[in-house]
Protein backbone atom coordinates (compact mmCIF):
# COMPACT_ATOMS: atom_id res chain seq x y z
CA MET A 1 33.78 27.76 -7.66
CA ASN A 2 34.57 24.15 -6.54
CA LEU A 3 32.76 25.22 -3.25
CA ASN A 4 29.67 25.97 -5.20
CA LYS A 5 30.01 22.76 -6.57
CA TYR A 6 30.25 20.29 -3.95
CA LEU A 7 27.50 22.32 -2.29
CA VAL A 8 25.16 22.07 -4.73
CA ALA A 9 26.02 18.01 -5.02
CA PHE A 10 25.67 18.10 -1.07
CA LEU A 11 22.15 19.59 -1.19
CA LEU A 12 21.04 17.63 -3.96
CA PHE A 13 22.19 14.21 -2.14
CA LEU A 14 20.52 15.62 0.96
CA THR A 15 17.05 16.36 -0.80
CA LYS A 16 17.08 12.78 -1.96
CA HIS A 17 17.67 10.96 1.15
CA SER A 18 15.95 13.04 3.21
CA MET A 19 12.44 12.66 0.83
CA ALA A 20 9.50 11.51 2.27
CA GLY A 21 5.76 11.41 1.71
CA GLU A 22 3.63 12.82 3.89
CA VAL A 23 1.43 10.49 6.13
CA PHE A 24 -2.10 10.79 6.76
CA ILE A 25 -4.63 9.21 9.55
CA ASP A 26 -7.60 10.06 7.63
CA PHE A 27 -8.22 10.94 4.14
CA PRO A 28 -7.07 14.05 2.96
CA SER A 29 -9.00 17.16 2.45
CA GLU A 30 -6.63 18.56 -0.11
CA ILE A 31 -5.69 16.07 -3.25
CA ARG A 32 -2.83 17.20 -5.23
CA ALA A 33 -3.33 15.62 -8.47
CA ASP A 34 0.41 15.17 -9.45
CA GLU A 35 1.34 13.18 -6.51
CA LYS A 36 0.87 9.59 -5.52
CA TYR A 37 -0.75 7.98 -2.86
CA ILE A 38 -0.42 4.42 -1.06
CA ILE A 39 -3.41 3.60 1.19
CA TYR A 40 -1.95 1.29 3.66
CA SER A 41 -4.75 -1.32 5.95
CA HIS A 42 -3.43 -2.72 9.01
CA GLY A 43 -3.89 -6.27 10.23
CA LEU A 44 -6.86 -7.07 12.50
CA ILE A 45 -4.86 -7.00 15.99
CA VAL A 46 -4.30 -2.98 15.69
CA GLU A 47 -8.17 -2.40 15.31
CA GLY A 48 -9.36 -0.86 18.38
CA SER A 49 -7.55 2.06 20.23
CA ASN A 50 -3.90 0.51 20.69
CA ASN A 51 -1.48 1.49 17.73
CA LYS A 52 1.05 -0.87 19.11
CA PRO A 53 -0.53 -3.76 20.33
CA VAL A 54 1.04 -6.89 21.20
CA HIS A 55 0.56 -10.63 19.76
CA THR A 56 1.61 -13.62 22.34
CA ARG A 57 3.03 -15.36 19.16
CA PHE A 58 4.22 -12.35 16.82
CA GLY A 59 5.25 -9.91 19.14
CA VAL A 60 4.70 -5.72 18.77
CA TYR A 61 2.56 -4.79 15.62
CA GLU A 62 4.69 -1.49 14.73
CA PHE A 63 2.00 0.44 13.14
CA ASN A 64 3.66 3.87 13.13
CA LEU A 65 6.82 2.29 12.16
CA ILE A 66 5.31 0.82 9.26
CA LYS A 67 3.68 3.55 7.91
CA ASN A 68 6.87 5.72 8.57
CA ALA A 69 9.02 3.03 6.52
CA LEU A 70 6.48 3.01 3.73
CA VAL A 71 6.89 6.73 2.96
CA ALA A 72 10.40 7.09 3.94
CA GLY A 73 13.08 8.02 0.68
CA SER A 74 10.00 8.62 -1.61
CA ASP A 75 7.51 10.93 -2.79
CA PHE A 76 4.44 8.81 -2.05
CA ASN A 77 1.65 10.05 0.13
CA LEU A 78 0.24 7.46 2.67
CA ILE A 79 -3.31 7.34 4.14
CA ALA A 80 -3.74 4.86 7.26
CA GLU A 81 -6.48 5.28 9.25
CA HIS A 82 -6.58 3.13 12.32
CA ARG A 83 -9.63 1.43 12.06
CA PRO A 84 -12.05 0.95 14.94
CA LYS A 85 -12.44 -2.49 16.76
CA ASN A 86 -14.96 -4.94 15.08
CA THR A 87 -14.84 -2.79 11.74
CA GLU A 88 -17.41 -4.41 9.16
CA ILE A 89 -15.82 -5.55 6.28
CA VAL A 90 -18.06 -5.21 3.30
CA ILE A 91 -18.89 -1.40 4.58
CA TYR A 92 -15.21 -0.87 5.12
CA ALA A 93 -14.31 -2.03 1.70
CA ARG A 94 -16.45 0.23 0.16
CA LYS A 95 -15.09 3.06 2.38
CA LEU A 96 -11.67 2.33 0.74
CA ALA A 97 -13.20 1.88 -2.52
CA SER A 98 -14.98 5.21 -2.10
CA TRP A 99 -11.23 7.10 -1.33
CA VAL A 100 -9.64 5.57 -4.43
CA LYS A 101 -12.84 6.96 -6.79
CA ALA A 102 -12.21 10.46 -4.95
CA LEU A 103 -8.55 10.38 -5.77
CA VAL A 104 -9.27 9.65 -9.40
CA SER A 105 -12.32 11.91 -9.54
CA ALA A 106 -9.52 15.01 -7.84
CA GLY A 107 -7.30 13.85 -11.04
CA VAL A 108 -4.79 11.75 -9.48
CA GLU A 109 -3.53 9.02 -11.89
CA PRO A 110 -5.08 5.76 -11.47
CA ALA A 111 -1.18 4.05 -11.89
CA ASN A 112 -0.16 6.66 -9.30
CA ILE A 113 -2.77 4.60 -6.80
CA THR A 114 -1.85 1.84 -4.69
CA LEU A 115 -4.15 -0.27 -2.01
CA VAL A 116 -1.74 -1.99 0.43
CA GLY A 117 -3.06 -4.61 2.88
CA PHE A 118 -2.01 -7.22 5.53
CA SER A 119 -4.22 -9.81 6.40
CA ARG A 120 -7.62 -8.29 7.63
CA GLY A 121 -6.42 -5.35 6.05
CA GLY A 122 -5.58 -7.54 2.67
CA GLU A 123 -9.19 -8.60 2.86
CA LEU A 124 -10.46 -5.28 2.93
CA THR A 125 -8.24 -4.25 0.10
CA ALA A 126 -8.91 -7.47 -2.07
CA TYR A 127 -12.79 -6.39 -1.61
CA ALA A 128 -12.13 -2.52 -2.30
CA SER A 129 -10.11 -3.28 -5.59
CA SER A 130 -12.39 -5.91 -6.87
CA GLU A 131 -14.81 -2.88 -6.89
CA LEU A 132 -12.35 -1.27 -8.78
CA ASN A 133 -11.22 -3.55 -11.19
CA ARG A 134 -11.73 -1.23 -14.62
CA LEU A 135 -9.48 1.80 -13.18
CA ASN A 136 -6.63 0.14 -13.31
CA ILE A 137 -5.07 0.82 -10.20
CA ASN A 138 -2.23 -0.96 -8.40
CA THR A 139 -3.05 -3.55 -5.34
CA VAL A 140 -1.05 -5.42 -2.95
CA LEU A 141 -2.00 -8.12 -0.53
CA LEU A 142 0.54 -9.17 1.77
CA ALA A 143 -0.15 -12.28 3.75
CA THR A 144 -3.57 -12.35 2.68
CA CYS A 145 -4.25 -15.51 1.04
CA TRP A 146 -4.90 -18.83 2.85
CA PRO A 147 -7.43 -21.46 2.39
CA GLY A 148 -10.91 -20.35 2.61
CA SER A 149 -9.91 -16.54 2.26
CA VAL A 150 -10.73 -13.77 -0.21
CA GLN A 151 -8.85 -16.29 -2.84
CA SER A 152 -11.66 -18.51 -2.88
CA LYS A 153 -14.44 -16.04 -3.65
CA PRO A 154 -15.32 -16.20 -7.10
CA GLU A 155 -16.31 -12.71 -6.85
CA VAL A 156 -13.04 -11.01 -6.38
CA THR A 157 -11.24 -10.04 -9.26
CA PHE A 158 -8.49 -7.55 -9.78
CA GLY A 159 -8.00 -5.09 -12.93
CA GLY A 160 -4.50 -3.31 -13.08
CA ASN A 161 -1.26 -3.82 -11.36
CA PHE A 162 -1.17 -6.84 -8.53
CA LEU A 163 1.53 -7.88 -6.20
CA SER A 164 1.37 -10.47 -3.47
CA VAL A 165 3.82 -10.84 -1.09
CA TYR A 166 4.00 -13.82 1.55
CA GLU A 167 6.24 -15.45 4.19
CA THR A 168 7.32 -18.86 3.43
CA THR A 169 6.65 -19.84 7.17
CA ASP A 170 3.35 -18.28 7.40
CA GLU A 171 -0.39 -20.04 6.59
CA ALA A 172 -1.15 -17.60 4.40
CA LEU A 173 0.78 -18.17 1.21
CA SER A 174 -0.16 -17.84 -2.96
CA CYS A 175 -2.35 -15.16 -4.13
CA LYS A 176 -2.29 -16.69 -7.66
CA ASP A 177 -5.70 -17.83 -7.75
CA ILE A 178 -6.97 -14.38 -7.62
CA ALA A 179 -4.42 -13.56 -10.37
CA ASN A 180 -5.72 -16.66 -12.55
CA LYS A 181 -9.41 -15.65 -12.58
CA SER A 182 -8.63 -11.78 -12.98
CA LYS A 183 -8.91 -10.98 -16.59
CA ASP A 184 -8.31 -7.11 -16.53
CA LEU A 185 -5.05 -7.74 -14.99
CA ILE A 186 -2.26 -5.66 -16.72
CA SER A 187 0.57 -7.26 -14.66
CA PHE A 188 0.78 -9.90 -11.57
CA LYS A 189 4.07 -10.44 -9.37
CA GLU A 190 4.51 -12.66 -6.58
CA ILE A 191 7.18 -12.34 -3.85
CA SER A 192 7.77 -15.02 -1.46
CA ILE A 193 10.20 -14.09 1.78
CA SER A 194 11.55 -16.49 4.33
CA THR A 195 12.45 -14.66 7.50
CA GLY A 196 10.75 -17.73 9.94
CA LYS A 197 8.70 -15.05 11.56
CA GLU A 198 5.55 -16.47 10.17
CA HIS A 199 2.49 -14.01 9.99
CA GLY A 200 4.59 -12.04 12.24
CA ALA A 201 6.76 -10.67 9.51
CA PHE A 202 4.50 -8.00 8.71
CA PHE A 203 4.11 -6.39 11.91
CA LYS A 204 7.01 -4.66 11.80
CA PRO A 205 8.66 -3.00 8.47
CA LEU A 206 11.23 -5.39 7.61
CA GLU A 207 13.41 -4.66 4.45
CA GLU A 208 12.24 -8.18 3.18
CA TRP A 209 9.35 -7.00 2.31
CA VAL A 210 9.01 -2.85 2.57
CA THR A 211 12.11 -2.67 0.13
CA PRO A 212 10.48 -4.94 -2.78
CA VAL A 213 7.32 -3.39 -1.92
CA LYS A 214 8.30 0.33 -2.37
CA GLN A 215 10.25 -0.55 -5.77
CA TRP A 216 6.96 -2.74 -7.09
CA ILE A 217 4.74 0.71 -6.42
CA ASN A 218 7.44 2.81 -7.76
CA SER A 219 7.78 1.14 -11.11
CA LYS A 220 4.19 1.14 -11.89
CA ALA A 221 3.74 5.09 -10.96
CA VAL A 222 3.69 7.32 -13.80
CA SER A 223 5.50 11.09 -13.60
CA ILE A 224 2.84 14.15 -14.28
CA LEU A 225 4.13 17.30 -15.68
CA ILE A 226 2.30 20.40 -14.66
CA ASN A 227 3.13 23.68 -16.16
CA ASP A 228 3.86 26.72 -14.09
CA GLU A 229 0.44 28.21 -14.86
CA ASP A 230 -1.78 25.00 -13.95
CA LYS A 231 0.16 24.88 -11.00
CA HIS A 232 -0.79 28.52 -9.91
CA ARG A 233 -4.42 28.05 -10.93
């Protein structure tokens, strides 16, 4: 009897610690309305054909490792397209917005949808989120706000929940200007990290930013209960 009890406990532990969402390199063909989705947009250096480019100052951009880290130990699904070189900002931002609208149309709760973007990917995320400010999704900007960037664009405002994360040794710092002009925000939180790695802090899945981002996303998500009859329709 005790052996069975310990076996069950071990299986529960194993399930919890091996749990991971699915990673999609394009918008998925099948949407599961009771699940959670993150749309991650990488930095400018990754645009093109190399998913592991090297910056002379900041080192290797670990695109694949970042994707895996964002879903490890969670039940989030991640959509992270490798953008082509010289992606046009407005057109791609509208593409991201269309993905969010498609998720909502398929029945995914807006609170279970999070746009995450770093640097140029953060710009794309900001413009996309601004088109969706009445849907109350979640938005995370990583090292995106610097003088003359999206924070100074009067048309960029967010709804829903907004998280900003920046590195104190970087040129991109606080995104409070966006939050201050966003009248439809439910909540705003900003986190500073100090790794000494400047912009390169977000080139790798450092625990300093990955862990608080995942915790914040999870805190905003809602649980969806679907009965067995609905699951088999």
